[in-house]
N, C-alpha and C. Protein backbone atom coordinates (compact mmCIF):
# COMPACT_ATOMS: atom_id res chain seq x y z
N MET A 1 13.18 41.44 60.38
CA MET A 1 14.52 41.61 60.89
C MET A 1 15.27 42.55 59.97
N THR A 2 16.22 43.23 60.52
CA THR A 2 17.02 44.18 59.75
C THR A 2 18.11 43.43 58.97
N LYS A 3 18.78 44.15 58.09
CA LYS A 3 19.89 43.56 57.32
C LYS A 3 20.96 43.02 58.27
N GLU A 4 21.29 43.77 59.30
CA GLU A 4 22.31 43.33 60.25
C GLU A 4 21.88 42.07 60.99
N GLU A 5 20.62 42.01 61.39
CA GLU A 5 20.12 40.82 62.08
C GLU A 5 20.14 39.61 61.15
N LEU A 6 19.79 39.83 59.89
CA LEU A 6 19.82 38.76 58.90
C LEU A 6 21.24 38.24 58.73
N GLU A 7 22.20 39.14 58.56
CA GLU A 7 23.60 38.74 58.40
C GLU A 7 24.10 37.98 59.62
N ASN A 8 23.81 38.49 60.81
CA ASN A 8 24.27 37.83 62.04
C ASN A 8 23.67 36.44 62.17
N ARG A 9 22.40 36.30 61.84
CA ARG A 9 21.75 35.00 61.94
C ARG A 9 22.34 34.02 60.93
N LEU A 10 22.61 34.48 59.71
CA LEU A 10 23.24 33.61 58.71
C LEU A 10 24.63 33.18 59.17
N ARG A 11 25.39 34.12 59.70
CA ARG A 11 26.74 33.79 60.18
C ARG A 11 26.69 32.70 61.24
N LYS A 12 25.74 32.83 62.16
CA LYS A 12 25.65 31.87 63.26
C LYS A 12 25.10 30.52 62.78
N GLU A 13 23.98 30.53 62.05
CA GLU A 13 23.34 29.27 61.66
C GLU A 13 24.13 28.51 60.60
N LEU A 14 24.85 29.20 59.73
CA LEU A 14 25.60 28.53 58.67
C LEU A 14 27.09 28.45 58.98
N ASN A 15 27.48 28.94 60.16
CA ASN A 15 28.88 28.91 60.58
C ASN A 15 29.78 29.60 59.56
N LEU A 16 29.40 30.82 59.18
CA LEU A 16 30.17 31.64 58.25
C LEU A 16 30.51 32.95 58.95
N PRO A 17 31.52 32.95 59.81
CA PRO A 17 31.78 34.11 60.67
C PRO A 17 32.11 35.40 59.93
N PHE A 18 32.59 35.33 58.71
CA PHE A 18 32.99 36.54 58.00
C PHE A 18 32.06 36.89 56.85
N TYR A 19 30.90 36.25 56.79
CA TYR A 19 29.97 36.47 55.70
C TYR A 19 29.34 37.87 55.80
N ASN A 20 29.35 38.59 54.69
CA ASN A 20 28.69 39.89 54.59
C ASN A 20 27.77 39.85 53.38
N ALA A 21 26.49 39.88 53.63
CA ALA A 21 25.52 39.82 52.54
C ALA A 21 25.49 41.14 51.78
N LYS A 22 25.41 41.04 50.47
CA LYS A 22 25.28 42.24 49.65
C LYS A 22 23.81 42.36 49.28
N ILE A 23 23.04 42.83 50.26
CA ILE A 23 21.60 42.95 50.10
C ILE A 23 21.15 44.34 50.52
N ALA A 24 19.93 44.65 50.15
CA ALA A 24 19.37 45.97 50.47
C ALA A 24 19.23 46.15 51.98
N ASN A 25 19.42 47.37 52.41
CA ASN A 25 19.29 47.71 53.82
C ASN A 25 17.82 47.99 54.12
N ARG A 26 17.07 46.93 54.42
CA ARG A 26 15.64 47.04 54.72
C ARG A 26 15.26 45.93 55.68
N ASP A 27 14.01 45.89 56.07
CA ASP A 27 13.53 44.83 56.95
C ASP A 27 13.15 43.60 56.14
N TYR A 28 13.43 42.41 56.69
CA TYR A 28 13.16 41.15 56.03
C TYR A 28 12.23 40.30 56.89
N THR A 29 11.33 39.57 56.24
CA THR A 29 10.42 38.68 56.96
C THR A 29 11.12 37.34 57.20
N GLU A 30 10.53 36.51 58.04
CA GLU A 30 11.07 35.18 58.29
C GLU A 30 11.07 34.35 57.01
N LEU A 31 10.05 34.48 56.21
CA LEU A 31 9.97 33.75 54.94
C LEU A 31 11.09 34.18 53.99
N GLU A 32 11.36 35.46 53.92
CA GLU A 32 12.46 35.96 53.08
C GLU A 32 13.79 35.45 53.60
N TYR A 33 13.94 35.41 54.92
CA TYR A 33 15.17 34.89 55.52
C TYR A 33 15.37 33.43 55.14
N GLN A 34 14.33 32.62 55.30
CA GLN A 34 14.43 31.19 55.00
C GLN A 34 14.77 30.97 53.52
N ASP A 35 14.18 31.77 52.64
CA ASP A 35 14.48 31.68 51.21
C ASP A 35 15.92 32.07 50.93
N PHE A 36 16.37 33.16 51.56
CA PHE A 36 17.75 33.62 51.40
C PHE A 36 18.73 32.56 51.88
N LYS A 37 18.44 31.97 53.03
CA LYS A 37 19.31 30.94 53.60
C LYS A 37 19.37 29.71 52.70
N ALA A 38 18.22 29.26 52.20
CA ALA A 38 18.18 28.09 51.32
C ALA A 38 18.97 28.35 50.04
N THR A 39 18.82 29.53 49.48
CA THR A 39 19.55 29.89 48.26
C THR A 39 21.05 29.91 48.52
N LEU A 40 21.45 30.50 49.63
CA LEU A 40 22.87 30.56 49.98
C LEU A 40 23.46 29.17 50.17
N GLN A 41 22.73 28.29 50.85
CA GLN A 41 23.20 26.93 51.06
C GLN A 41 23.34 26.19 49.73
N LYS A 42 22.38 26.35 48.84
CA LYS A 42 22.43 25.68 47.54
C LYS A 42 23.61 26.19 46.72
N GLU A 43 23.81 27.50 46.70
CA GLU A 43 24.93 28.06 45.95
C GLU A 43 26.27 27.59 46.51
N TYR A 44 26.37 27.48 47.81
CA TYR A 44 27.61 26.99 48.43
C TYR A 44 27.87 25.53 48.05
N LEU A 45 26.84 24.70 48.15
CA LEU A 45 27.01 23.29 47.81
C LEU A 45 27.33 23.11 46.33
N ASP A 46 26.70 23.91 45.47
CA ASP A 46 27.01 23.88 44.04
C ASP A 46 28.47 24.26 43.81
N TYR A 47 28.93 25.28 44.51
CA TYR A 47 30.32 25.72 44.39
C TYR A 47 31.28 24.59 44.79
N VAL A 48 30.99 23.96 45.90
CA VAL A 48 31.86 22.87 46.36
C VAL A 48 31.86 21.73 45.35
N ASP A 49 30.69 21.36 44.86
CA ASP A 49 30.61 20.26 43.89
C ASP A 49 31.32 20.59 42.59
N GLU A 50 31.14 21.79 42.09
CA GLU A 50 31.67 22.14 40.77
C GLU A 50 33.14 22.54 40.79
N TYR A 51 33.57 23.27 41.79
CA TYR A 51 34.92 23.83 41.77
C TYR A 51 35.90 23.10 42.68
N ILE A 52 35.50 22.82 43.88
CA ILE A 52 36.41 22.19 44.83
C ILE A 52 36.69 20.74 44.40
N ASP A 53 35.65 19.97 44.14
CA ASP A 53 35.85 18.59 43.72
C ASP A 53 36.62 18.54 42.40
N TYR A 54 36.33 19.43 41.48
CA TYR A 54 37.03 19.47 40.19
C TYR A 54 38.51 19.74 40.40
N ALA A 55 38.84 20.68 41.26
CA ALA A 55 40.24 21.03 41.51
C ALA A 55 40.98 19.87 42.15
N GLU A 56 40.33 19.14 43.03
CA GLU A 56 40.98 18.01 43.68
C GLU A 56 41.23 16.88 42.68
N ASN A 57 40.34 16.69 41.75
CA ASN A 57 40.48 15.61 40.76
C ASN A 57 41.40 16.01 39.60
N ASP A 58 41.71 17.27 39.49
CA ASP A 58 42.52 17.76 38.39
C ASP A 58 44.01 17.61 38.66
N VAL A 59 44.38 17.25 39.86
CA VAL A 59 45.79 17.15 40.24
C VAL A 59 46.45 15.96 39.65
């Protein structure tokens, strides 16, 4: 899949309508997509755990 197809699929599957990946403009395999998606999900959950929860408890 192309970079645009990868971005569109991530936007739809992860419900991130304004997400723009900063990745190389090349073709990606399904395995690369699944790895990219898993990494993005982990980074998002880490962000929520570390920053959002901390900010709510800091009040």
